[in-house]
């Protein structure tokens, strides 16, 4: 698993994230805390018809935009994983 915030290569992070989205076989997005960047990456994943697993903390309400999509609710999410 490669987290976007752990890409160590020099260059433009947005381009690197998009490259991973387009090249990787599965995308996992953590909707916890409603980070706008995550929703941007989710939109790209959907636009390119990539398989996506969406997760969110059980303590948070699912945002309206994705409320009709299956989302895995977890006690612990990727937020605390390094």
C-alpha atoms as a PDB file:
ATOM      1  CA  UNK A   1       0.000   0.000   0.000  1.00  0.00           C
ATOM      2  CA  UNK A   2       1.277   3.447  -0.908  1.00  0.00           C
ATOM      3  CA  UNK A   3      -0.128   6.453   0.920  1.00  0.00           C
ATOM      4  CA  UNK A   4      -0.092   9.714  -0.997  1.00  0.00           C
ATOM      5  CA  UNK A   5       1.526  11.545   1.907  1.00  0.00           C
ATOM      6  CA  UNK A   6       4.379   9.030   1.920  1.00  0.00           C
ATOM      7  CA  UNK A   7       5.544   9.524  -1.679  1.00  0.00           C
ATOM      8  CA  UNK A   8       9.173  10.589  -1.249  1.00  0.00           C
ATOM      9  CA  UNK A   9      10.094  11.338  -4.869  1.00  0.00           C
ATOM     10  CA  UNK A  10      10.858  14.887  -5.891  1.00  0.00           C
ATOM     11  CA  UNK A  11       8.372  16.593  -8.165  1.00  0.00           C
ATOM     12  CA  UNK A  12       4.791  17.760  -8.103  1.00  0.00           C
ATOM     13  CA  UNK A  13       2.835  15.677  -5.588  1.00  0.00           C
ATOM     14  CA  UNK A  14      -0.483  16.092  -7.423  1.00  0.00           C
ATOM     15  CA  UNK A  15       0.992  14.622 -10.614  1.00  0.00           C
ATOM     16  CA  UNK A  16       2.480  11.730  -8.643  1.00  0.00           C
ATOM     17  CA  UNK A  17      -0.830  10.964  -6.961  1.00  0.00           C
ATOM     18  CA  UNK A  18      -2.692  11.059 -10.275  1.00  0.00           C
ATOM     19  CA  UNK A  19      -0.102   8.741 -11.819  1.00  0.00           C
ATOM     20  CA  UNK A  20      -0.627   6.255  -8.989  1.00  0.00           C
ATOM     21  CA  UNK A  21      -4.400   6.453  -9.349  1.00  0.00           C
ATOM     22  CA  UNK A  22      -4.152   5.717 -13.067  1.00  0.00           C
ATOM     23  CA  UNK A  23      -1.571   2.936 -12.697  1.00  0.00           C
ATOM     24  CA  UNK A  24      -2.646   1.157  -9.501  1.00  0.00           C
ATOM     25  CA  UNK A  25      -5.143  -1.684  -9.630  1.00  0.00           C
ATOM     26  CA  UNK A  26      -7.091  -0.657  -6.506  1.00  0.00           C
ATOM     27  CA  UNK A  27      -7.636   2.681  -4.785  1.00  0.00           C
ATOM     28  CA  UNK A  28      -8.500   3.009  -1.080  1.00  0.00           C
ATOM     29  CA  UNK A  29      -9.785   6.408   0.034  1.00  0.00           C
ATOM     30  CA  UNK A  30     -10.218   7.453   3.649  1.00  0.00           C
ATOM     31  CA  UNK A  31     -13.063   9.967   3.833  1.00  0.00           C
ATOM     32  CA  UNK A  32     -12.428  10.597   7.532  1.00  0.00           C
ATOM     33  CA  UNK A  33     -12.196  14.336   8.293  1.00  0.00           C
ATOM     34  CA  UNK A  34     -13.533  15.240   4.810  1.00  0.00           C
ATOM     35  CA  UNK A  35     -10.176  16.203   3.269  1.00  0.00           C
ATOM     36  CA  UNK A  36     -10.882  18.019  -0.054  1.00  0.00           C
ATOM     37  CA  UNK A  37      -7.815  16.422  -1.647  1.00  0.00           C
ATOM     38  CA  UNK A  38      -9.227  12.968  -0.980  1.00  0.00           C
ATOM     39  CA  UNK A  39     -12.483  13.869  -2.713  1.00  0.00           C
ATOM     40  CA  UNK A  40     -10.471  15.207  -5.677  1.00  0.00           C
ATOM     41  CA  UNK A  41      -8.586  11.900  -5.862  1.00  0.00           C
ATOM     42  CA  UNK A  42     -11.845   9.973  -5.515  1.00  0.00           C
ATOM     43  CA  UNK A  43     -13.319  11.924  -8.435  1.00  0.00           C
ATOM     44  CA  UNK A  44     -10.323  11.064 -10.611  1.00  0.00           C
ATOM     45  CA  UNK A  45     -10.665   7.416  -9.621  1.00  0.00           C
ATOM     46  CA  UNK A  46     -14.334   7.456 -10.600  1.00  0.00           C
ATOM     47  CA  UNK A  47     -13.651   9.300 -13.855  1.00  0.00           C
ATOM     48  CA  UNK A  48     -11.203   6.572 -14.878  1.00  0.00           C
ATOM     49  CA  UNK A  49     -13.462   3.783 -13.611  1.00  0.00           C
ATOM     50  CA  UNK A  50     -10.871   2.527 -11.113  1.00  0.00           C
ATOM     51  CA  UNK A  51     -11.950   0.068  -8.415  1.00  0.00           C
ATOM     52  CA  UNK A  52     -12.298   2.032  -5.176  1.00  0.00           C
ATOM     53  CA  UNK A  53     -12.804   1.056  -1.548  1.00  0.00           C
ATOM     54  CA  UNK A  54     -14.050   3.970   0.514  1.00  0.00           C
ATOM     55  CA  UNK A  55     -13.623   3.973   4.280  1.00  0.00           C
ATOM     56  CA  UNK A  56     -14.634   6.392   7.019  1.00  0.00           C
ATOM     57  CA  UNK A  57     -14.451   6.514  10.787  1.00  0.00           C
ATOM     58  CA  UNK A  58     -17.586   5.197  12.511  1.00  0.00           C
ATOM     59  CA  UNK A  59     -17.663   8.435  14.488  1.00  0.00           C
ATOM     60  CA  UNK A  60     -18.273  10.570  11.394  1.00  0.00           C
ATOM     61  CA  UNK A  61     -21.268  11.087   9.170  1.00  0.00           C
ATOM     62  CA  UNK A  62     -20.880  10.173   5.532  1.00  0.00           C
ATOM     63  CA  UNK A  63     -20.813  13.279   3.302  1.00  0.00           C
ATOM     64  CA  UNK A  64     -23.890  13.812   1.147  1.00  0.00           C
ATOM     65  CA  UNK A  65     -21.938  13.496  -2.131  1.00  0.00           C
ATOM     66  CA  UNK A  66     -21.096   9.854  -1.485  1.00  0.00           C
ATOM     67  CA  UNK A  67     -23.929   8.875   0.834  1.00  0.00           C
ATOM     68  CA  UNK A  68     -25.501   6.530  -1.724  1.00  0.00           C
ATOM     69  CA  UNK A  69     -22.279   4.618  -2.251  1.00  0.00           C
ATOM     70  CA  UNK A  70     -21.131   1.698  -0.130  1.00  0.00           C
ATOM     71  CA  UNK A  71     -18.564   2.836   2.408  1.00  0.00           C
ATOM     72  CA  UNK A  72     -16.811   0.718   5.021  1.00  0.00           C
ATOM     73  CA  UNK A  73     -17.144   2.221   8.494  1.00  0.00           C
ATOM     74  CA  UNK A  74     -14.157   1.454  10.726  1.00  0.00           C
ATOM     75  CA  UNK A  75     -13.162   2.056  14.319  1.00  0.00           C
ATOM     76  CA  UNK A  76      -9.633   2.934  13.158  1.00  0.00           C
ATOM     77  CA  UNK A  77      -8.895   4.350   9.710  1.00  0.00           C
ATOM     78  CA  UNK A  78      -5.735   5.063   7.738  1.00  0.00           C
ATOM     79  CA  UNK A  79      -5.396   8.492   9.375  1.00  0.00           C
ATOM     80  CA  UNK A  80      -3.280   7.117  12.192  1.00  0.00           C
ATOM     81  CA  UNK A  81      -1.241   4.741  10.005  1.00  0.00           C
ATOM     82  CA  UNK A  82       2.280   5.772   9.049  1.00  0.00           C
END
